[in-house]
PDB file of all heavy atoms in Angstrom:
ATOM      1  N   ALA A   1      99.614  88.906  87.870  1.00  0.00           N
ATOM      2  CA  ALA A   1     100.901  88.623  88.485  1.00  0.00           C
ATOM      3  C   ALA A   1     101.227  89.660  89.594  1.00  0.00           C
ATOM      4  O   ALA A   1     101.744  89.319  90.618  1.00  0.00           O
ATOM      5  CB  ALA A   1     102.008  88.572  87.451  1.00  0.00           C
ATOM      6  N   MET A   2     100.892  90.939  89.315  1.00  0.00           N
ATOM      7  CA  MET A   2     101.108  91.985  90.319  1.00  0.00           C
ATOM      8  C   MET A   2     100.281  91.679  91.571  1.00  0.00           C
ATOM      9  O   MET A   2     100.765  91.860  92.694  1.00  0.00           O
ATOM     10  CB  MET A   2     100.792  93.336  89.746  1.00  0.00           C
ATOM     11  CG  MET A   2     101.739  93.789  88.644  1.00  0.00           C
ATOM     12  SD  MET A   2     103.411  94.116  89.151  1.00  0.00           S
ATOM     13  CE  MET A   2     103.223  95.660  90.092  1.00  0.00           C
ATOM     14  N   GLU A   3      99.037  91.241  91.405  1.00  0.00           N
ATOM     15  CA  GLU A   3      98.185  90.868  92.527  1.00  0.00           C
ATOM     16  C   GLU A   3      98.777  89.690  93.291  1.00  0.00           C
ATOM     17  O   GLU A   3      98.734  89.676  94.508  1.00  0.00           O
ATOM     18  CB  GLU A   3      96.765  90.535  92.060  1.00  0.00           C
ATOM     19  CG  GLU A   3      95.952  91.755  91.654  1.00  0.00           C
ATOM     20  CD  GLU A   3      95.639  92.656  92.826  1.00  0.00           C
ATOM     21  OE1 GLU A   3      95.444  92.175  93.941  1.00  0.00           O
ATOM     22  OE2 GLU A   3      95.603  93.910  92.605  1.00  0.00           O
ATOM     23  N   ARG A   4      99.335  88.719  92.570  1.00  0.00           N
ATOM     24  CA  ARG A   4      99.986  87.573  93.232  1.00  0.00           C
ATOM     25  C   ARG A   4     101.157  88.041  94.070  1.00  0.00           C
ATOM     26  O   ARG A   4     101.347  87.550  95.189  1.00  0.00           O
ATOM     27  CB  ARG A   4     100.468  86.520  92.194  1.00  0.00           C
ATOM     28  CG  ARG A   4      99.436  85.558  91.763  1.00  0.00           C
ATOM     29  CD  ARG A   4     100.032  84.388  90.990  1.00  0.00           C
ATOM     30  NE  ARG A   4     100.686  84.756  89.767  1.00  0.00           N
ATOM     31  CZ  ARG A   4     100.073  84.997  88.588  1.00  0.00           C
ATOM     32  NH1 ARG A   4      98.764  84.929  88.509  1.00  0.00           N
ATOM     33  NH2 ARG A   4     100.769  85.292  87.518  1.00  0.00           N
ATOM     34  N   LEU A   5     101.942  88.986  93.551  1.00  0.00           N
ATOM     35  CA  LEU A   5     103.076  89.494  94.337  1.00  0.00           C
ATOM     36  C   LEU A   5     102.576  90.156  95.616  1.00  0.00           C
ATOM     37  O   LEU A   5     103.076  89.885  96.702  1.00  0.00           O
ATOM     38  CB  LEU A   5     103.890  90.524  93.522  1.00  0.00           C
ATOM     39  CG  LEU A   5     104.764  89.939  92.417  1.00  0.00           C
ATOM     40  CD1 LEU A   5     105.270  91.051  91.510  1.00  0.00           C
ATOM     41  CD2 LEU A   5     105.898  89.169  92.994  1.00  0.00           C
ATOM     42  N   LYS A   6     101.510  90.980  95.471  1.00  0.00           N
ATOM     43  CA  LYS A   6     100.960  91.689  96.666  1.00  0.00           C
ATOM     44  C   LYS A   6     100.448  90.647  97.706  1.00  0.00           C
ATOM     45  O   LYS A   6     100.656  90.831  98.894  1.00  0.00           O
ATOM     46  CB  LYS A   6      99.824  92.599  96.217  1.00  0.00           C
ATOM     47  CG  LYS A   6      99.181  93.353  97.338  1.00  0.00           C
ATOM     48  CD  LYS A   6      98.023  94.200  96.840  1.00  0.00           C
ATOM     49  CE  LYS A   6      97.259  94.836  97.947  1.00  0.00           C
ATOM     50  NZ  LYS A   6      95.974  95.350  97.498  1.00  0.00           N
ATOM     51  N   ALA A   7      99.856  89.593  97.217  1.00  0.00           N
ATOM     52  CA  ALA A   7      99.240  88.607  98.122  1.00  0.00           C
ATOM     53  C   ALA A   7     100.285  87.669  98.723  1.00  0.00           C
ATOM     54  O   ALA A   7     100.169  87.254  99.875  1.00  0.00           O
ATOM     55  CB  ALA A   7      98.207  87.781  97.396  1.00  0.00           C
ATOM     56  N   ASN A   8     101.331  87.321  97.985  1.00  0.00           N
ATOM     57  CA  ASN A   8     102.278  86.267  98.409  1.00  0.00           C
ATOM     58  C   ASN A   8     103.587  86.694  98.970  1.00  0.00           C
ATOM     59  O   ASN A   8     104.221  85.940  99.678  1.00  0.00           O
ATOM     60  CB  ASN A   8     102.500  85.309  97.234  1.00  0.00           C
ATOM     61  CG  ASN A   8     101.229  84.550  96.823  1.00  0.00           C
ATOM     62  OD1 ASN A   8     100.444  84.185  97.682  1.00  0.00           O
ATOM     63  ND2 ASN A   8     101.062  84.363  95.512  1.00  0.00           N
ATOM     64  N   LEU A   9     104.075  87.909  98.623  1.00  0.00           N
ATOM     65  CA  LEU A   9     105.369  88.354  99.153  1.00  0.00           C
ATOM     66  C   LEU A   9     105.382  88.415 100.704  1.00  0.00           C
ATOM     67  O   LEU A   9     106.377  88.072 101.307  1.00  0.00           O
ATOM     68  CB  LEU A   9     105.838  89.640  98.554  1.00  0.00           C
ATOM     69  CG  LEU A   9     106.378  89.494  97.105  1.00  0.00           C
ATOM     70  CD1 LEU A   9     106.765  90.908  96.581  1.00  0.00           C
ATOM     71  CD2 LEU A   9     107.516  88.531  96.983  1.00  0.00           C
ATOM     72  N   PRO A  10     104.305  88.893 101.357  1.00  0.00           N
ATOM     73  CA  PRO A  10     104.361  88.960 102.826  1.00  0.00           C
ATOM     74  C   PRO A  10     104.617  87.581 103.500  1.00  0.00           C
ATOM     75  O   PRO A  10     105.334  87.508 104.499  1.00  0.00           O
ATOM     76  CB  PRO A  10     102.989  89.502 103.228  1.00  0.00           C
ATOM     77  CG  PRO A  10     102.610  90.376 102.030  1.00  0.00           C
ATOM     78  CD  PRO A  10     103.112  89.567 100.847  1.00  0.00           C
ATOM     79  N   GLY A  11     104.128  86.526 102.874  1.00  0.00           N
ATOM     80  CA  GLY A  11     104.367  85.205 103.414  1.00  0.00           C
ATOM     81  C   GLY A  11     105.807  84.717 103.177  1.00  0.00           C
ATOM     82  O   GLY A  11     106.217  83.700 103.727  1.00  0.00           O
ATOM     83  N   LYS A  12     106.570  85.459 102.394  1.00  0.00           N
ATOM     84  CA  LYS A  12     107.937  85.125 102.143  1.00  0.00           C
ATOM     85  C   LYS A  12     108.910  86.130 102.814  1.00  0.00           C
ATOM     86  O   LYS A  12     110.061  86.231 102.421  1.00  0.00           O
ATOM     87  CB  LYS A  12     108.195  85.095 100.629  1.00  0.00           C
ATOM     88  CG  LYS A  12     107.325  84.012  99.937  1.00  0.00           C
ATOM     89  CD  LYS A  12     107.635  83.853  98.481  1.00  0.00           C
ATOM     90  CE  LYS A  12     106.790  82.801  97.851  1.00  0.00           C
ATOM     91  NZ  LYS A  12     106.869  81.496  98.450  1.00  0.00           N
ATOM     92  N   GLY A  13     108.380  86.852 103.837  1.00  0.00           N
ATOM     93  CA  GLY A  13     109.226  87.706 104.629  1.00  0.00           C
ATOM     94  C   GLY A  13     109.314  89.158 104.164  1.00  0.00           C
ATOM     95  O   GLY A  13     110.168  89.913 104.624  1.00  0.00           O
ATOM     96  N   TRP A  14     108.423  89.562 103.250  1.00  0.00           N
ATOM     97  CA  TRP A  14     108.443  90.960 102.726  1.00  0.00           C
ATOM     98  C   TRP A  14     107.301  91.748 103.335  1.00  0.00           C
ATOM     99  O   TRP A  14     106.217  91.214 103.545  1.00  0.00           O
ATOM    100  CB  TRP A  14     108.285  90.933 101.217  1.00  0.00           C
ATOM    101  CG  TRP A  14     109.474  90.345 100.503  1.00  0.00           C
ATOM    102  CD1 TRP A  14     109.715  89.047 100.227  1.00  0.00           C
ATOM    103  CD2 TRP A  14     110.595  91.053 100.012  1.00  0.00           C
ATOM    104  NE1 TRP A  14     110.915  88.868  99.618  1.00  0.00           N
ATOM    105  CE2 TRP A  14     111.473  90.138  99.479  1.00  0.00           C
ATOM    106  CE3 TRP A  14     110.951  92.393  99.984  1.00  0.00           C
ATOM    107  CZ2 TRP A  14     112.673  90.468  98.877  1.00  0.00           C
ATOM    108  CZ3 TRP A  14     112.161  92.776  99.400  1.00  0.00           C
ATOM    109  CH2 TRP A  14     113.021  91.800  98.857  1.00  0.00           C
ATOM    110  N   LYS A  15     107.589  93.038 103.589  1.00  0.00           N
ATOM    111  CA  LYS A  15     106.545  93.963 104.035  1.00  0.00           C
ATOM    112  C   LYS A  15     106.228  94.821 102.816  1.00  0.00           C
ATOM    113  O   LYS A  15     107.076  95.512 102.284  1.00  0.00           O
ATOM    114  CB  LYS A  15     107.044  94.813 105.201  1.00  0.00           C
ATOM    115  CG  LYS A  15     106.039  95.820 105.654  1.00  0.00           C
ATOM    116  CD  LYS A  15     106.583  96.690 106.734  1.00  0.00           C
ATOM    117  CE  LYS A  15     105.480  97.686 107.142  1.00  0.00           C
ATOM    118  NZ  LYS A  15     106.016  98.899 107.677  1.00  0.00           N
ATOM    119  N   ILE A  16     104.913  94.864 102.436  1.00  0.00           N
ATOM    120  CA  ILE A  16     104.505  95.692 101.313  1.00  0.00           C
ATOM    121  C   ILE A  16     104.449  97.146 101.846  1.00  0.00           C
ATOM    122  O   ILE A  16     103.755  97.434 102.807  1.00  0.00           O
ATOM    123  CB  ILE A  16     103.119  95.306 100.810  1.00  0.00           C
ATOM    124  CG1 ILE A  16     103.081  93.827 100.386  1.00  0.00           C
ATOM    125  CG2 ILE A  16     102.686  96.204  99.648  1.00  0.00           C
ATOM    126  CD1 ILE A  16     104.016  93.408  99.280  1.00  0.00           C
ATOM    127  N   VAL A  17     105.270  98.013 101.263  1.00  0.00           N
ATOM    128  CA  VAL A  17     105.382  99.416 101.623  1.00  0.00           C
ATOM    129  C   VAL A  17     104.317 100.208 100.897  1.00  0.00           C
ATOM    130  O   VAL A  17     103.687 101.106 101.482  1.00  0.00           O
ATOM    131  CB  VAL A  17     106.801  99.971 101.368  1.00  0.00           C
ATOM    132  CG1 VAL A  17     106.875 101.464 101.672  1.00  0.00           C
ATOM    133  CG2 VAL A  17     107.830  99.183 102.156  1.00  0.00           C
ATOM    134  N   SER A  18     104.140  99.940  99.619  1.00  0.00           N
ATOM    135  CA  SER A  18     103.114 100.609  98.844  1.00  0.00           C
ATOM    136  C   SER A  18     102.689  99.746  97.674  1.00  0.00           C
ATOM    137  O   SER A  18     103.436  98.895  97.172  1.00  0.00           O
ATOM    138  CB  SER A  18     103.592 101.993  98.327  1.00  0.00           C
ATOM    139  OG  SER A  18     104.636 101.816  97.417  1.00  0.00           O
ATOM    140  N   TYR A  19     101.457  99.972  97.228  1.00  0.00           N
ATOM    141  CA  TYR A  19     100.906  99.236  96.082  1.00  0.00           C
ATOM    142  C   TYR A  19      99.872 100.147  95.465  1.00  0.00           C
ATOM    143  O   TYR A  19      98.947 100.604  96.094  1.00  0.00           O
ATOM    144  CB  TYR A  19     100.274  97.912  96.509  1.00  0.00           C
ATOM    145  CG  TYR A  19      99.728  97.104  95.328  1.00  0.00           C
ATOM    146  CD1 TYR A  19     100.609  96.325  94.563  1.00  0.00           C
ATOM    147  CD2 TYR A  19      98.399  97.172  94.972  1.00  0.00           C
ATOM    148  CE1 TYR A  19     100.144  95.563  93.533  1.00  0.00           C
ATOM    149  CE2 TYR A  19      97.928  96.435  93.921  1.00  0.00           C
ATOM    150  CZ  TYR A  19      98.803  95.615  93.178  1.00  0.00           C
ATOM    151  OH  TYR A  19      98.336  94.881  92.119  1.00  0.00           O
ATOM    152  N   GLY A  20     100.056 100.464  94.157  1.00  0.00           N
ATOM    153  CA  GLY A  20      99.113 101.291  93.457  1.00  0.00           C
ATOM    154  C   GLY A  20      99.803 102.036  92.357  1.00  0.00           C
ATOM    155  O   GLY A  20     100.969 101.749  92.000  1.00  0.00           O
ATOM    156  N   PRO A  21      99.120 103.046  91.792  1.00  0.00           N
ATOM    157  CA  PRO A  21      99.710 103.813  90.717  1.00  0.00           C
ATOM    158  C   PRO A  21     100.977 104.582  91.165  1.00  0.00           C
ATOM    159  O   PRO A  21     100.975 105.127  92.264  1.00  0.00           O
ATOM    160  CB  PRO A  21      98.613 104.782  90.283  1.00  0.00           C
ATOM    161  CG  PRO A  21      97.386 104.347  90.980  1.00  0.00           C
ATOM    162  CD  PRO A  21      97.813 103.479  92.121  1.00  0.00           C
ATOM    163  N   ASP A  22     102.004 104.613  90.319  1.00  0.00           N
ATOM    164  CA  ASP A  22     103.186 105.373  90.675  1.00  0.00           C
ATOM    165  C   ASP A  22     102.969 106.829  90.304  1.00  0.00           C
ATOM    166  O   ASP A  22     101.871 107.247  89.888  1.00  0.00           O
ATOM    167  CB  ASP A  22     104.441 104.796  90.011  1.00  0.00           C
ATOM    168  CG  ASP A  22     104.462 104.911  88.470  1.00  0.00           C
ATOM    169  OD1 ASP A  22     103.579 105.604  87.896  1.00  0.00           O
ATOM    170  OD2 ASP A  22     105.337 104.327  87.835  1.00  0.00           O
ATOM    171  N   ALA A  23     104.001 107.656  90.424  1.00  0.00           N
ATOM    172  CA  ALA A  23     103.909 109.107  90.222  1.00  0.00           C
ATOM    173  C   ALA A  23     104.090 109.508  88.749  1.00  0.00           C
ATOM    174  O   ALA A  23     104.024 110.706  88.433  1.00  0.00           O
ATOM    175  CB  ALA A  23     104.895 109.835  91.085  1.00  0.00           C
ATOM    176  N   SER A  24     104.328 108.528  87.864  1.00  0.00           N
ATOM    177  CA  SER A  24     104.549 108.854  86.447  1.00  0.00           C
ATOM    178  C   SER A  24     103.257 109.318  85.796  1.00  0.00           C
ATOM    179  O   SER A  24     102.160 109.044  86.277  1.00  0.00           O
ATOM    180  CB  SER A  24     105.094 107.640  85.719  1.00  0.00           C
ATOM    181  OG  SER A  24     104.081 106.676  85.536  1.00  0.00           O
ATOM    182  N   PRO A  25     103.376 110.027  84.659  1.00  0.00           N
ATOM    183  CA  PRO A  25     102.139 110.465  83.943  1.00  0.00           C
ATOM    184  C   PRO A  25     101.251 109.299  83.527  1.00  0.00           C
ATOM    185  O   PRO A  25     100.064 109.418  83.495  1.00  0.00           O
ATOM    186  CB  PRO A  25     102.686 111.185  82.693  1.00  0.00           C
ATOM    187  CG  PRO A  25     104.078 111.625  83.094  1.00  0.00           C
ATOM    188  CD  PRO A  25     104.577 110.569  84.033  1.00  0.00           C
ATOM    189  N   SER A  26     101.894 108.119  83.292  1.00  0.00           N
ATOM    190  CA  SER A  26     101.087 106.940  82.907  1.00  0.00           C
ATOM    191  C   SER A  26     100.449 106.219  84.089  1.00  0.00           C
ATOM    192  O   SER A  26      99.662 105.290  83.889  1.00  0.00           O
ATOM    193  CB  SER A  26     101.944 105.960  82.098  1.00  0.00           C
ATOM    194  OG  SER A  26     102.995 105.477  82.922  1.00  0.00           O
ATOM    195  N   LYS A  27     100.825 106.620  85.315  1.00  0.00           N
ATOM    196  CA  LYS A  27     100.254 105.996  86.543  1.00  0.00           C
ATOM    197  C   LYS A  27     100.430 104.467  86.530  1.00  0.00           C
ATOM    198  O   LYS A  27      99.513 103.739  86.815  1.00  0.00           O
ATOM    199  CB  LYS A  27      98.787 106.345  86.709  1.00  0.00           C
ATOM    200  CG  LYS A  27      98.511 107.837  86.768  1.00  0.00           C
ATOM    201  CD  LYS A  27      99.036 108.411  88.024  1.00  0.00           C
ATOM    202  CE  LYS A  27      98.696 109.918  88.144  1.00  0.00           C
ATOM    203  NZ  LYS A  27      99.666 110.686  88.846  1.00  0.00           N
ATOM    204  N   SER A  28     101.659 104.023  86.225  1.00  0.00           N
ATOM    205  CA  SER A  28     101.939 102.602  86.159  1.00  0.00           C
ATOM    206  C   SER A  28     101.721 101.969  87.509  1.00  0.00           C
ATOM    207  O   SER A  28     102.045 102.535  88.557  1.00  0.00           O
ATOM    208  CB  SER A  28     103.418 102.387  85.741  1.00  0.00           C
ATOM    209  OG  SER A  28     103.604 102.857  84.455  1.00  0.00           O
ATOM    210  N   LEU A  29     101.186 100.747  87.531  1.00  0.00           N
ATOM    211  CA  LEU A  29     101.003  99.994  88.757  1.00  0.00           C
ATOM    212  C   LEU A  29     102.347  99.624  89.354  1.00  0.00           C
ATOM    213  O   LEU A  29     103.215  99.088  88.643  1.00  0.00           O
ATOM    214  CB  LEU A  29     100.174  98.741  88.490  1.00  0.00           C
ATOM    215  CG  LEU A  29      99.846  97.852  89.673  1.00  0.00           C
ATOM    216  CD1 LEU A  29      99.054  98.640  90.755  1.00  0.00           C
ATOM    217  CD2 LEU A  29      99.070  96.597  89.254  1.00  0.00           C
ATOM    218  N   GLU A  30     102.552  99.954  90.637  1.00  0.00           N
ATOM    219  CA  GLU A  30     103.863  99.698  91.282  1.00  0.00           C
ATOM    220  C   GLU A  30     103.635  99.069  92.642  1.00  0.00           C
ATOM    221  O   GLU A  30     102.756  99.464  93.399  1.00  0.00           O
ATOM    222  CB  GLU A  30     104.632 101.009  91.451  1.00  0.00           C
ATOM    223  CG  GLU A  30     105.977 100.822  92.118  1.00  0.00           C
ATOM    224  CD  GLU A  30     106.715 102.135  92.333  1.00  0.00           C
ATOM    225  OE1 GLU A  30     106.053 103.152  92.676  1.00  0.00           O
ATOM    226  OE2 GLU A  30     107.943 102.121  92.191  1.00  0.00           O
ATOM    227  N   LEU A  31     104.518  98.102  92.942  1.00  0.00           N
ATOM    228  CA  LEU A  31     104.574  97.477  94.245  1.00  0.00           C
ATOM    229  C   LEU A  31     105.970  97.750  94.811  1.00  0.00           C
ATOM    230  O   LEU A  31     106.958  97.519  94.110  1.00  0.00           O
ATOM    231  CB  LEU A  31     104.332  95.990  94.160  1.00  0.00           C
ATOM    232  CG  LEU A  31     104.451  95.191  95.433  1.00  0.00           C
ATOM    233  CD1 LEU A  31     103.396  94.058  95.466  1.00  0.00           C
ATOM    234  CD2 LEU A  31     105.843  94.602  95.624  1.00  0.00           C
ATOM    235  N   VAL A  32     106.063  98.237  96.056  1.00  0.00           N
ATOM    236  CA  VAL A  32     107.320  98.437  96.724  1.00  0.00           C
ATOM    237  C   VAL A  32     107.268  97.633  98.004  1.00  0.00           C
ATOM    238  O   VAL A  32     106.278  97.694  98.738  1.00  0.00           O
ATOM    239  CB  VAL A  32     107.598  99.942  97.038  1.00  0.00           C
ATOM    240  CG1 VAL A  32     108.875 100.106  97.802  1.00  0.00           C
ATOM    241  CG2 VAL A  32     107.632 100.739  95.728  1.00  0.00           C
ATOM    242  N   ALA A  33     108.324  96.810  98.252  1.00  0.00           N
ATOM    243  CA  ALA A  33     108.367  96.006  99.430  1.00  0.00           C
ATOM    244  C   ALA A  33     109.775  95.943 100.010  1.00  0.00           C
ATOM    245  O   ALA A  33     110.738  96.115  99.298  1.00  0.00           O
ATOM    246  CB  ALA A  33     107.882  94.583  99.090  1.00  0.00           C
TER     247      ALA A  33
END
């Protein structure tokens, strides 16, 4: 689902600012748009 967001949000008017592990100790996958 995270991959779908990364692939499909730009077509809905969103600019992906970042995608990848966040700064938390668990390195959670994060998408910012």
